[in-house]
Amino acid sequence: MSWIVPALPRLRAALPRLTMHLFFGSGQEIVDRLRSGLVDCAVTSARVDDSRLLAERLHEERYAFVAAPELLDRLPLARPEDVPRHVLLDIDARLPLFNYFSGAPAAPALPRFGGHRWLGLGAAVKVQVLAGEGVAVLPLYMIEAELQAGRLRRVFPGVALLLDYFRLLYRDHDPRQAAYRALAAELARAPIA
């Protein structure tokens, strides 16, 4: 949630009566904390199907399937047959990031990757992809500079990946819903970068 921290001064100015304490974690961990009452609201792009949680849409999130150019020069990944030679990096075993590629209508059917590594956070996945430790799907806002600088290269660039949205989630019975909607409106104005 690297785009939230730079927005904090603006959020404090716009909502001076709202105190914000941040917790960062994977999508499911954040949602579990929200359900159990450990956090009041949560920003996530994780897909949530829970009638007890309300959601305010904040920003569209686009993704790219990427790898370090050095890795692709050594081990090309241009055809499905190349997949078993590569390690897939993701947040956890549910493959929340890779699903944006595999679920895309034009995505080819791929064989099993040669290995998998779960890293808990998208930022950790990015570090490992840049180091040439594997391939991954990552949010464009997180890797746009590296793509433009040539430090990352798209894999299967002809496939339009699924997109998603950042959402502010909160419990349906929480009496502070108006405050959450005001926070969501301000977060939606914050640039995602």
Protein backbone atom coordinates (compact mmCIF):
# COMPACT_ATOMS: atom_id res chain seq x y z
CA MET A 1 0.00 0.00 0.00
CA SER A 2 2.85 2.31 -0.88
CA TRP A 3 0.41 4.89 -2.23
CA ILE A 4 -1.35 5.33 1.13
CA VAL A 5 1.66 6.47 3.17
CA PRO A 6 2.43 9.51 0.95
CA ALA A 7 -1.26 10.48 1.18
CA LEU A 8 -1.29 10.61 5.00
CA PRO A 9 -0.61 14.38 5.35
CA ARG A 10 -3.41 15.12 2.87
CA LEU A 11 -5.75 12.72 4.67
CA ARG A 12 -4.98 14.29 8.06
CA ALA A 13 -5.69 17.77 6.65
CA ALA A 14 -8.96 16.69 5.02
CA LEU A 15 -10.14 14.56 7.96
CA PRO A 16 -8.59 16.15 11.08
CA ARG A 17 -10.93 14.36 13.51
CA LEU A 18 -10.00 10.93 12.17
CA THR A 19 -7.04 9.14 13.76
CA MET A 20 -5.36 6.60 11.51
CA HIS A 21 -3.10 3.78 12.63
CA LEU A 22 -1.78 1.61 9.83
CA PHE A 23 -1.26 -2.13 9.61
CA PHE A 24 0.18 -3.74 6.49
CA GLY A 25 -0.28 -7.37 5.55
CA SER A 26 -1.49 -9.67 2.81
CA GLY A 27 -5.06 -9.33 1.56
CA GLN A 28 -6.48 -12.29 3.46
CA GLU A 29 -4.70 -11.38 6.69
CA ILE A 30 -6.11 -7.86 6.55
CA VAL A 31 -9.62 -9.13 5.83
CA ASP A 32 -9.40 -11.61 8.72
CA ARG A 33 -8.34 -8.79 11.07
CA LEU A 34 -11.27 -6.69 9.88
CA ARG A 35 -13.76 -9.53 10.40
CA SER A 36 -12.45 -10.17 13.92
CA GLY A 37 -12.53 -6.48 14.89
CA LEU A 38 -8.76 -6.04 15.20
CA VAL A 39 -8.88 -3.24 12.62
CA ASP A 40 -11.77 -0.85 11.94
CA CYS A 41 -11.48 -0.72 8.16
CA ALA A 42 -9.12 -2.06 5.52
CA VAL A 43 -7.81 -1.11 2.10
CA THR A 44 -7.23 -4.09 -0.14
CA SER A 45 -7.56 -5.30 -3.69
CA ALA A 46 -8.19 -8.84 -2.42
CA ARG A 47 -11.48 -10.25 -3.61
CA VAL A 48 -13.88 -10.56 -0.70
CA ASP A 49 -17.25 -12.28 -0.75
CA ASP A 50 -18.73 -11.54 2.65
CA SER A 51 -22.17 -9.98 3.06
CA ARG A 52 -21.12 -8.60 6.46
CA LEU A 53 -18.49 -6.35 4.86
CA LEU A 54 -19.26 -3.21 2.88
CA ALA A 55 -16.89 -1.90 0.21
CA GLU A 56 -16.16 1.51 -1.29
CA ARG A 57 -14.26 1.38 -4.60
CA LEU A 58 -11.10 3.52 -4.60
CA HIS A 59 -8.81 2.90 -7.57
CA GLU A 60 -8.56 0.59 -10.55
CA GLU A 61 -5.58 -1.74 -10.29
CA ARG A 62 -3.91 -3.13 -13.43
CA TYR A 63 -1.34 -5.92 -13.48
CA ALA A 64 1.55 -7.22 -15.56
CA PHE A 65 3.24 -10.64 -15.72
CA VAL A 66 6.95 -9.82 -15.46
CA ALA A 67 10.48 -11.10 -15.01
CA ALA A 68 13.99 -9.66 -14.91
CA PRO A 69 15.51 -9.37 -18.40
CA GLU A 70 18.61 -11.26 -17.24
CA LEU A 71 16.45 -14.21 -16.22
CA LEU A 72 14.57 -14.19 -19.52
CA ASP A 73 17.82 -13.94 -21.50
CA ARG A 74 19.10 -17.03 -19.68
CA LEU A 75 15.78 -18.92 -19.57
CA PRO A 76 13.29 -17.62 -22.14
CA LEU A 77 9.61 -17.66 -21.26
CA ALA A 78 7.85 -17.13 -24.58
CA ARG A 79 5.83 -20.37 -24.89
CA PRO A 80 3.91 -22.53 -22.44
CA GLU A 81 6.58 -25.23 -22.85
CA ASP A 82 9.09 -22.85 -21.18
CA VAL A 83 7.08 -22.60 -17.93
CA PRO A 84 8.52 -25.68 -16.13
CA ARG A 85 11.96 -24.04 -16.13
CA HIS A 86 10.71 -21.11 -14.04
CA VAL A 87 9.81 -20.37 -10.42
CA LEU A 88 6.51 -18.57 -9.83
CA LEU A 89 6.61 -15.97 -7.05
CA ASP A 90 3.38 -14.95 -5.34
CA ILE A 91 1.97 -13.85 -2.00
CA ASP A 92 0.70 -17.26 -0.91
CA ALA A 93 -0.42 -20.66 -2.19
CA ARG A 94 -3.81 -19.31 -3.33
CA LEU A 95 -1.87 -17.48 -6.10
CA PRO A 96 -3.75 -14.19 -5.65
CA LEU A 97 -1.46 -12.31 -8.04
CA PHE A 98 -0.99 -15.01 -10.68
CA ASN A 99 -4.77 -15.44 -10.92
CA TYR A 100 -4.93 -12.08 -12.73
CA PHE A 101 -3.00 -13.76 -15.56
CA SER A 102 -4.37 -17.30 -15.42
CA GLY A 103 -7.97 -16.07 -15.28
CA ALA A 104 -7.62 -13.76 -18.28
CA PRO A 105 -9.67 -14.86 -21.31
CA ALA A 106 -6.65 -14.87 -23.66
CA ALA A 107 -4.22 -16.55 -21.24
CA PRO A 108 -2.76 -19.77 -22.60
CA ALA A 109 -3.09 -22.94 -20.56
CA LEU A 110 0.23 -23.35 -18.80
CA PRO A 111 1.90 -26.46 -17.40
CA ARG A 112 3.13 -26.47 -13.80
CA PHE A 113 5.93 -24.11 -12.91
CA GLY A 114 9.24 -25.66 -11.93
CA GLY A 115 8.82 -24.22 -8.45
CA HIS A 116 6.78 -21.84 -6.34
CA ARG A 117 7.82 -19.38 -3.67
CA TRP A 118 5.37 -17.54 -1.40
CA LEU A 119 6.62 -14.21 -0.09
CA GLY A 120 3.70 -12.73 1.86
CA LEU A 121 3.65 -9.24 0.33
CA GLY A 122 3.70 -7.79 -3.17
CA ALA A 123 6.68 -5.61 -2.25
CA ALA A 124 8.69 -8.72 -1.35
CA VAL A 125 7.65 -10.37 -4.62
CA LYS A 126 8.89 -7.28 -6.49
CA VAL A 127 12.31 -7.43 -4.81
CA GLN A 128 12.71 -11.09 -5.71
CA VAL A 129 11.56 -10.59 -9.31
CA LEU A 130 14.06 -7.75 -9.75
CA ALA A 131 16.77 -10.06 -8.37
CA GLY A 132 15.94 -12.64 -11.05
CA GLU A 133 14.63 -15.19 -8.54
CA GLY A 134 11.47 -15.95 -10.50
CA VAL A 135 8.53 -14.62 -12.48
CA ALA A 136 5.42 -12.94 -11.07
CA VAL A 137 2.31 -10.93 -11.69
CA LEU A 138 2.53 -7.53 -10.00
CA PRO A 139 0.44 -4.35 -9.91
CA LEU A 140 1.49 -1.91 -12.62
CA TYR A 141 1.66 1.03 -10.22
CA MET A 142 4.32 -0.88 -8.29
CA ILE A 143 6.55 -1.72 -11.27
CA GLU A 144 5.86 0.89 -13.95
CA ALA A 145 9.20 2.67 -13.43
CA GLU A 146 11.11 -0.63 -13.65
CA LEU A 147 9.28 -1.59 -16.86
CA GLN A 148 10.06 1.78 -18.44
CA ALA A 149 13.71 1.57 -17.36
CA GLY A 150 14.06 -1.95 -18.77
CA ARG A 151 14.71 -3.52 -15.35
CA LEU A 152 11.65 -5.72 -15.83
CA ARG A 153 10.17 -7.23 -18.97
CA ARG A 154 6.63 -8.42 -19.63
CA VAL A 155 5.98 -12.14 -20.02
CA PHE A 156 3.28 -13.16 -22.54
CA PRO A 157 2.76 -9.46 -23.36
CA GLY A 158 -0.14 -10.16 -25.72
CA VAL A 159 -2.38 -11.30 -22.86
CA ALA A 160 -4.59 -8.61 -21.32
CA LEU A 161 -4.59 -9.47 -17.61
CA LEU A 162 -7.68 -9.16 -15.46
CA LEU A 163 -7.95 -5.94 -13.52
CA ASP A 164 -9.20 -5.30 -10.04
CA TYR A 165 -9.89 -2.43 -7.68
CA PHE A 166 -8.58 -1.18 -4.40
CA ARG A 167 -11.49 -1.01 -1.99
CA LEU A 168 -12.03 0.33 1.49
CA LEU A 169 -13.79 -2.40 3.47
CA TYR A 170 -15.66 -2.02 6.74
CA ARG A 171 -18.17 -4.01 8.77
CA ASP A 172 -21.84 -3.51 7.89
CA HIS A 173 -22.89 -2.95 11.51
CA ASP A 174 -20.21 -0.35 12.34
CA PRO A 175 -21.80 2.97 13.40
CA ARG A 176 -18.87 4.91 11.87
CA GLN A 177 -19.87 4.19 8.26
CA ALA A 178 -20.09 7.89 7.37
CA ALA A 179 -16.47 8.36 8.49
CA TYR A 180 -15.39 5.39 6.36
CA ARG A 181 -17.19 6.78 3.32
CA ALA A 182 -15.47 10.15 3.86
CA LEU A 183 -12.11 8.38 4.16
CA ALA A 184 -12.85 6.41 0.98
CA ALA A 185 -13.65 9.62 -0.91
CA GLU A 186 -10.31 11.12 0.15
CA LEU A 187 -8.38 7.94 -0.65
CA ALA A 188 -9.97 7.88 -4.10
CA ARG A 189 -8.52 11.36 -4.71
CA ALA A 190 -5.01 10.27 -3.67
CA PRO A 191 -2.79 9.34 -6.61
CA ILE A 192 -1.86 5.69 -6.84
CA ALA A 193 1.87 5.57 -7.47
